[in-house]
Protein backbone atom coordinates (compact mmCIF):
# COMPACT_ATOMS: atom_id res chain seq x y z
CA MET A 1 -9.41 12.72 5.53
CA THR A 2 -11.46 9.94 3.87
CA VAL A 3 -10.08 8.43 0.65
CA GLN A 4 -12.50 6.86 -1.68
CA LEU A 5 -10.98 3.72 -3.23
CA GLU A 6 -11.69 2.79 -6.84
CA ARG A 7 -13.22 -0.66 -6.46
CA SER A 8 -13.52 -1.28 -10.14
CA ASN A 9 -9.70 -1.05 -10.39
CA PRO A 10 -7.83 -3.68 -8.20
CA ALA A 11 -4.54 -1.53 -8.53
CA THR A 12 -5.93 0.94 -5.98
CA VAL A 13 -6.76 -1.80 -3.42
CA LEU A 14 -4.64 -3.65 -0.88
CA THR A 15 -1.72 -1.17 -0.95
CA VAL A 16 0.84 -0.39 1.66
CA THR A 17 1.18 3.38 1.76
CA ALA A 18 4.42 5.51 2.03
CA ALA A 19 2.83 7.21 5.02
CA TYR A 20 2.81 3.77 6.82
CA GLU A 21 6.58 3.37 6.17
CA ALA A 22 7.17 6.93 7.43
CA LEU A 23 5.33 5.93 10.61
CA LEU A 24 7.86 3.11 11.22
CA SER A 25 10.79 5.45 10.63
CA GLU A 26 9.29 7.98 13.22
CA LYS A 27 8.87 5.17 15.80
CA TYR A 28 12.42 4.04 15.35
CA GLU A 29 13.79 7.62 15.67
CA ALA A 30 11.74 8.09 18.87
CA ARG A 31 13.28 4.85 20.32
CA ILE A 32 16.74 6.11 19.55
CA ARG A 33 16.05 9.47 21.19
CA ARG A 34 14.74 7.55 24.27
CA ILE A 35 17.91 5.62 24.63
CA GLU A 36 19.87 8.79 24.27
CA ARG A 37 17.92 10.45 26.97
CA LEU A 38 18.46 7.34 29.17
CA GLY A 39 22.20 7.51 28.48
CA VAL A 40 22.25 11.14 29.70
CA LYS A 41 20.33 10.23 32.86
CA LEU A 42 22.42 7.12 33.68
CA PHE A 43 25.83 8.73 33.50
CA GLY A 44 24.98 12.46 34.19
CA VAL A 45 26.78 13.61 31.01
CA ALA A 46 25.99 16.49 28.83
CA ASN A 47 24.86 14.30 25.92
CA CYS A 48 24.54 10.78 24.53
CA LEU A 49 24.46 10.18 20.93
CA VAL A 50 23.60 7.10 18.96
CA SER A 51 25.21 7.17 15.46
CA LEU A 52 24.36 4.79 12.59
CA GLY A 53 26.18 6.91 10.03
CA ASP A 54 26.56 10.62 10.02
CA LEU A 55 25.01 12.28 13.03
CA SER A 56 25.30 15.50 11.15
CA ASP A 57 22.57 14.40 8.92
CA ARG A 58 20.09 14.66 11.85
CA ALA A 59 17.85 17.76 11.79
CA TYR A 60 19.49 19.80 14.57
CA HIS A 61 18.45 23.52 14.99
CA GLY A 62 21.17 25.48 13.54
CA GLU A 63 24.57 24.47 12.24
CA HIS A 64 26.32 26.07 15.37
CA SER A 65 23.91 24.51 18.04
CA MET A 66 25.62 22.46 20.64
CA ASN A 67 24.07 19.39 19.42
CA ALA A 68 25.27 20.12 15.91
CA LEU A 69 28.91 20.68 17.17
CA GLU A 70 28.78 17.59 19.20
CA ALA A 71 27.65 15.58 16.22
CA MET A 72 30.41 17.05 14.10
CA PHE A 73 32.85 16.02 16.82
CA CYS A 74 31.61 12.31 16.88
CA ASP A 75 31.44 12.15 13.05
CA GLY A 76 35.15 13.11 12.89
CA LEU A 77 36.37 10.33 15.00
CA ALA A 78 36.85 6.70 14.07
CA VAL A 79 34.52 4.23 15.53
CA PRO A 80 36.48 2.12 18.14
CA ASP A 81 36.70 -1.76 18.03
CA GLU A 82 35.72 -2.02 21.82
CA ILE A 83 34.70 0.46 24.47
CA LEU A 84 36.78 3.62 24.52
CA VAL A 85 36.95 6.02 27.48
CA VAL A 86 38.87 9.34 27.53
CA ASN A 87 38.43 10.88 30.99
CA ASP A 88 40.06 14.22 29.98
CA ALA A 89 40.39 14.99 26.18
CA THR A 90 42.80 17.78 26.84
CA LEU A 91 45.37 15.31 28.18
CA ASP A 92 44.87 12.74 25.36
CA ALA A 93 47.49 12.88 22.70
CA LYS A 94 45.08 12.68 19.80
CA LEU A 95 41.97 14.39 21.13
CA ALA A 96 43.80 17.40 22.53
CA LEU A 97 44.41 18.86 19.11
CA ASN A 98 40.75 18.28 18.00
CA ARG A 99 39.19 21.72 17.27
CA PHE A 100 36.13 20.92 19.38
CA VAL A 101 38.42 20.18 22.34
CA ALA A 102 41.00 22.87 21.98
CA GLY A 103 38.26 25.33 20.96
CA ALA A 104 34.50 25.68 21.36
CA PRO A 105 32.58 23.86 22.75
CA HIS A 106 35.68 22.60 24.71
CA ILE A 107 34.72 18.90 25.00
CA ARG A 108 36.58 17.36 27.93
CA PHE A 109 35.02 13.89 28.47
CA TYR A 110 34.37 11.35 25.67
CA ALA A 111 33.43 7.63 25.73
CA ALA A 112 32.27 5.51 22.80
CA HIS A 113 31.03 1.96 22.41
CA PRO A 114 30.63 0.23 18.97
CA ILE A 115 27.36 -1.17 17.96
CA LEU A 116 27.37 -4.48 16.33
CA ASP A 117 24.93 -6.26 14.12
CA SER A 118 23.81 -9.81 14.31
CA SER A 119 26.93 -10.94 12.33
CA ARG A 120 29.12 -8.97 14.72
CA ASN A 121 30.08 -6.27 12.33
CA ILE A 122 30.49 -2.73 13.48
CA ILE A 123 27.66 -0.60 12.13
CA GLY A 124 27.52 2.40 14.53
CA CYS A 125 28.56 3.80 17.76
CA VAL A 126 27.13 5.25 21.02
CA SER A 127 29.07 8.27 22.30
CA LEU A 128 29.03 10.08 25.68
CA ILE A 129 30.11 13.71 25.83
CA ASP A 130 30.71 16.12 28.79
CA TYR A 131 32.42 19.47 29.28
CA LEU A 132 34.19 18.46 32.40
CA PRO A 133 36.77 15.67 33.04
CA ARG A 134 35.20 12.73 34.80
CA GLU A 135 36.03 9.20 36.17
CA PHE A 136 34.47 6.20 34.37
CA ASP A 137 34.82 3.09 36.59
CA ASP A 138 34.10 -0.55 35.82
CA GLU A 139 30.54 -0.23 37.04
CA ASN A 140 29.96 2.55 34.54
CA ARG A 141 31.56 0.47 31.78
CA GLN A 142 29.22 -2.31 32.56
CA ILE A 143 26.14 -0.06 32.45
CA PHE A 144 27.42 1.37 29.19
CA ALA A 145 27.70 -2.20 27.75
CA ASP A 146 24.16 -2.82 29.00
CA LEU A 147 22.98 0.32 27.18
CA LEU A 148 24.51 -1.05 24.06
CA VAL A 149 22.57 -4.28 24.27
CA MET A 150 19.41 -2.04 24.37
CA VAL A 151 20.46 -0.40 21.17
CA GLU A 152 21.42 -3.54 19.41
CA ARG A 153 18.02 -5.10 20.34
CA GLU A 154 16.17 -2.13 19.05
CA LEU A 155 18.00 -2.61 15.77
CA LEU A 156 17.23 -6.23 15.75
CA MET A 157 13.47 -5.43 16.32
CA LEU A 158 13.63 -2.84 13.60
CA SER A 159 15.17 -5.29 11.16
CA MET A 160 12.53 -7.97 11.94
CA TYR A 161 9.88 -5.44 11.67
CA LYS A 162 11.11 -4.41 8.24
CA ILE A 163 11.22 -7.95 7.16
CA GLN A 164 7.64 -8.46 8.51
CA VAL A 165 6.47 -5.33 6.50
CA ASP A 166 8.14 -6.73 3.33
CA LEU A 167 6.46 -10.02 3.90
CA ILE A 168 3.00 -8.34 4.37
CA LYS A 169 3.74 -6.38 1.08
CA GLN A 170 4.55 -9.63 -0.74
CA ASN A 171 1.61 -11.36 0.62
CA ARG A 172 -0.58 -8.58 -0.32
CA ASN A 173 0.65 -8.40 -3.71
CA LEU A 174 0.21 -12.19 -4.14
CA LYS A 175 -3.24 -11.91 -2.82
CA ARG A 176 -4.01 -8.96 -5.16
CA ASP A 177 -2.54 -10.90 -8.20
CA SER A 178 -4.66 -13.93 -7.16
CA LEU A 179 -7.73 -11.76 -7.38
CA ILE A 180 -7.08 -10.01 -10.63
CA ASP A 181 -7.62 -11.05 -14.17
CA PRO A 182 -4.13 -10.94 -15.66
CA ILE A 183 -5.24 -9.76 -19.12
CA LEU A 184 -7.75 -7.21 -18.38
CA GLY A 185 -6.82 -5.89 -14.93
CA THR A 186 -10.33 -6.38 -13.51
CA TRP A 187 -11.26 -8.53 -10.53
CA ASN A 188 -11.51 -12.25 -11.55
CA LYS A 189 -14.64 -14.36 -11.01
CA GLY A 190 -13.95 -15.38 -7.43
CA ALA A 191 -13.20 -11.82 -6.44
CA ILE A 192 -16.16 -10.14 -7.98
CA VAL A 193 -18.54 -12.71 -6.53
CA ARG A 194 -16.89 -12.14 -3.15
CA SER A 195 -17.28 -8.29 -3.71
CA LEU A 196 -21.02 -8.94 -4.57
CA ARG A 197 -21.53 -10.79 -1.19
CA ILE A 198 -19.74 -7.86 0.84
CA GLU A 199 -21.68 -5.19 -0.91
CA MET A 200 -24.95 -6.89 -0.45
CA GLU A 201 -24.39 -7.28 3.26
CA ARG A 202 -23.41 -3.57 3.60
CA CYS A 203 -26.41 -2.32 1.53
CA ASN A 204 -28.77 -4.62 3.52
CA LYS A 205 -27.43 -3.09 6.79
CA ALA A 206 -27.74 0.51 5.35
CA GLU A 207 -31.16 -0.43 3.88
CA LYS A 208 -30.04 0.56 0.44
CA PRO A 209 -30.56 -1.16 -2.88
CA LEU A 210 -27.93 -2.90 -4.86
CA ALA A 211 -27.83 -3.68 -8.59
CA LEU A 212 -26.11 -6.23 -10.58
CA LEU A 213 -25.07 -5.65 -14.22
CA VAL A 214 -23.91 -8.53 -16.53
CA VAL A 215 -22.52 -7.36 -19.89
CA SER A 216 -21.24 -9.16 -22.91
CA LEU A 217 -19.68 -8.00 -26.13
CA ASP A 218 -21.85 -9.02 -28.99
CA GLN A 219 -19.04 -9.37 -31.59
CA ILE A 220 -16.40 -11.04 -29.50
CA ALA A 221 -16.83 -14.52 -30.91
CA THR A 222 -16.66 -13.20 -34.50
CA ILE A 223 -13.47 -11.20 -33.70
CA LEU A 224 -11.78 -14.21 -32.12
CA ALA A 225 -12.59 -16.37 -34.99
CA ALA A 226 -11.44 -13.93 -37.58
CA HIS A 227 -8.38 -12.30 -35.83
CA GLY A 228 -7.39 -14.53 -32.92
CA THR A 229 -7.08 -14.22 -29.25
CA ALA A 230 -4.47 -11.33 -29.10
CA ILE A 231 -6.80 -9.01 -31.06
CA GLY A 232 -9.75 -10.14 -29.14
CA ASP A 233 -8.01 -9.42 -25.80
CA MET A 234 -7.12 -6.02 -27.08
CA VAL A 235 -10.67 -5.21 -27.99
CA LEU A 236 -11.81 -6.40 -24.51
CA VAL A 237 -9.21 -4.20 -22.77
CA LYS A 238 -10.51 -1.18 -24.66
CA MET A 239 -14.01 -2.07 -23.79
CA ILE A 240 -13.17 -2.43 -20.10
CA SER A 241 -11.63 1.07 -20.22
CA ARG A 242 -14.82 2.58 -21.68
CA ILE A 243 -16.94 0.67 -19.16
CA ARG A 244 -14.89 2.19 -16.25
CA SER A 245 -15.66 5.55 -17.53
CA CYS A 246 -19.39 4.98 -17.34
CA ILE A 247 -19.45 3.69 -13.70
CA ARG A 248 -18.58 5.17 -10.34
CA PRO A 249 -15.15 4.72 -8.74
CA PHE A 250 -16.52 2.44 -6.01
CA ASP A 251 -18.55 0.20 -8.32
CA ALA A 252 -16.84 -3.22 -8.67
CA LEU A 253 -16.07 -4.66 -12.16
CA GLY A 254 -14.94 -8.23 -12.71
CA ARG A 255 -14.49 -10.85 -15.49
CA PHE A 256 -17.27 -13.40 -14.79
CA GLY A 257 -16.59 -15.54 -17.83
CA ASN A 258 -14.50 -15.51 -21.01
CA ASP A 259 -16.64 -12.65 -22.56
CA VAL A 260 -19.01 -11.92 -19.76
CA PHE A 261 -18.50 -9.11 -17.31
CA LEU A 262 -20.15 -8.47 -13.95
CA MET A 263 -20.53 -5.07 -12.30
CA VAL A 264 -21.72 -4.55 -8.71
CA LEU A 265 -23.47 -1.23 -8.22
CA PRO A 266 -24.09 -0.45 -4.48
CA GLY A 267 -26.92 1.79 -3.77
CA ALA A 268 -28.21 1.58 -7.27
CA SER A 269 -31.90 0.81 -7.98
CA ARG A 270 -33.14 -0.95 -11.04
CA LEU A 271 -33.72 2.33 -12.78
CA VAL A 272 -30.29 3.64 -11.95
CA ALA A 273 -28.80 0.36 -13.19
CA THR A 274 -30.63 0.62 -16.48
CA ALA A 275 -29.44 4.05 -17.08
CA VAL A 276 -25.79 2.96 -16.34
CA ALA A 277 -26.20 0.09 -18.67
CA GLU A 278 -27.59 2.30 -21.47
CA ARG A 279 -24.78 4.65 -20.99
CA ILE A 280 -22.31 1.82 -21.47
CA ARG A 281 -24.18 0.49 -24.49
CA LEU A 282 -24.08 3.86 -26.17
CA THR A 283 -20.38 4.40 -25.28
CA ILE A 284 -19.38 1.03 -26.90
CA MET A 285 -21.57 1.56 -29.80
CA SER A 286 -20.11 5.09 -30.50
CA ASN A 287 -16.53 3.75 -30.47
CA PRO A 288 -16.01 1.16 -33.33
CA GLU A 289 -12.73 -0.74 -33.35
CA GLU A 290 -10.05 -0.34 -35.94
CA ILE A 291 -8.88 -3.94 -36.87
CA ASP A 292 -6.65 -4.49 -39.92
CA GLU A 293 -7.40 -0.96 -41.23
CA ALA A 294 -11.09 -1.85 -41.09
CA SER A 295 -13.75 -0.23 -38.87
CA VAL A 296 -15.49 -2.89 -36.76
CA PRO A 297 -18.66 -1.78 -35.19
CA LEU A 298 -19.19 -2.89 -31.50
CA THR A 299 -22.28 -3.45 -29.37
CA ILE A 300 -23.01 -5.02 -26.00
CA SER A 301 -25.99 -6.85 -24.57
CA ALA A 302 -26.67 -6.34 -20.77
CA GLY A 303 -28.72 -8.07 -18.11
CA ILE A 304 -29.82 -6.28 -14.97
CA VAL A 305 -31.19 -7.27 -11.63
CA SER A 306 -31.51 -5.38 -8.40
CA THR A 307 -32.42 -6.03 -4.81
CA ASP A 308 -35.29 -3.34 -4.85
CA THR A 309 -36.90 -5.92 -7.24
CA PHE A 310 -35.64 -9.05 -5.55
CA PRO A 311 -35.07 -8.09 -1.96
CA ASP A 312 -34.79 -11.54 -0.59
CA ALA A 313 -32.58 -13.13 -3.27
CA GLU A 314 -29.20 -14.55 -2.37
CA PRO A 315 -26.13 -13.45 -4.40
CA GLU A 316 -26.12 -16.63 -6.52
CA ILE A 317 -29.80 -16.22 -7.43
CA LEU A 318 -29.22 -12.61 -8.40
CA ILE A 319 -26.48 -13.66 -10.67
CA SER A 320 -28.59 -16.25 -12.25
CA TYR A 321 -31.42 -13.75 -12.92
CA ALA A 322 -28.82 -11.28 -14.39
CA GLU A 323 -27.49 -14.04 -16.74
CA LYS A 324 -30.96 -14.92 -17.88
CA ALA A 325 -31.67 -11.32 -18.58
CA LEU A 326 -28.41 -11.11 -20.52
CA LEU A 327 -29.44 -14.32 -22.50
CA SER A 328 -32.83 -12.63 -23.24
CA ALA A 329 -31.04 -9.55 -24.67
CA LYS A 330 -28.99 -11.81 -26.95
CA THR A 331 -32.01 -13.85 -27.97
CA ALA A 332 -33.85 -10.63 -28.87
CA GLY A 333 -31.08 -9.65 -31.35
CA ASN A 334 -28.17 -8.20 -29.26
CA ASN A 335 -27.33 -4.43 -28.58
CA ARG A 336 -29.91 -4.04 -25.90
CA VAL A 337 -30.48 -3.94 -22.10
CA VAL A 338 -32.94 -6.30 -20.46
CA SER A 339 -34.02 -6.14 -16.84
CA ALA A 340 -35.23 -9.14 -14.81
CA MET A 341 -38.71 -8.61 -13.13
CA VAL A 342 -40.47 -10.48 -10.49
CA GLU A 343 -43.29 -11.62 -12.81
CA GLN A 344 -40.85 -12.99 -15.44
CA PRO A 345 -37.28 -13.31 -13.90
CA ASP A 346 -36.06 -15.83 -16.56
CA ILE A 347 -36.87 -13.97 -19.80
CA ILE A 348 -37.88 -10.39 -20.56
CA ILE A 349 -38.13 -9.22 -24.26
């Protein structure tokens, strides 16, 4: 399934998904299962169980399955401080009375080895179970200890992997934060310019046009002078929300200056960009702001440039044409959209 990211909103970009964390968990469970199978093969026992908590929490098929009964047996025993071997549980003073020994499934052989963490604290246990009494010589004990080293190394690797994932998350969050305008939540200037370069390259390869839209709120200077920065920021936040409602999820939106915003519209021709700019202009104009119980009309001016008009222009040149078109819109009296053309890229009125 393909998921479309909303490029105008940085919060939807550079994320580590829960599915990725679930994948790590599945890999770890598979590794533990592999060690358990290896233990069964090495010692020829009925089962080998690696416990890092309650074995009964594992998804066994049916409460009364053999695996579930073996798990309940192991969970009911204290984890030993060192290797423990019971050759015949029916002859052991403590285990002989255990319901899983005296009754079904009639466990006869039991061996356990504690699992230690890097600080030498006991964090779990590896258990061997069989239904016949058996001998467990020094060689078996050594192999059992070797098996424990494998378990402890897997746990160490998992711990390091989780630390690495946490660092990746932190780095991604820091990277995301370094690209976001902290007040408006849009891309900042560096990020939006980088987005323009990337999208221009993509559109060139796909032989599709790309349009650039530069917008400024006409009343922002007056609002800042009369009401201060806090109110000005509030107005800009609402304006950004309205702009997002007028563009596509994959269009990029960023703060290019204090009161100038740049939009990158991949695949959009000059005519399409003009329609988008007019939609934004009408949306802003139809939503006056309430400030100090007074209705303040809002309008925007916009400058447009597109690669179908300037196919060979570099990103910086496109931006300069869009800025000049914006300046033309303001010079002509604000509340209008101006498009840069080949014959007059500097000023169109």
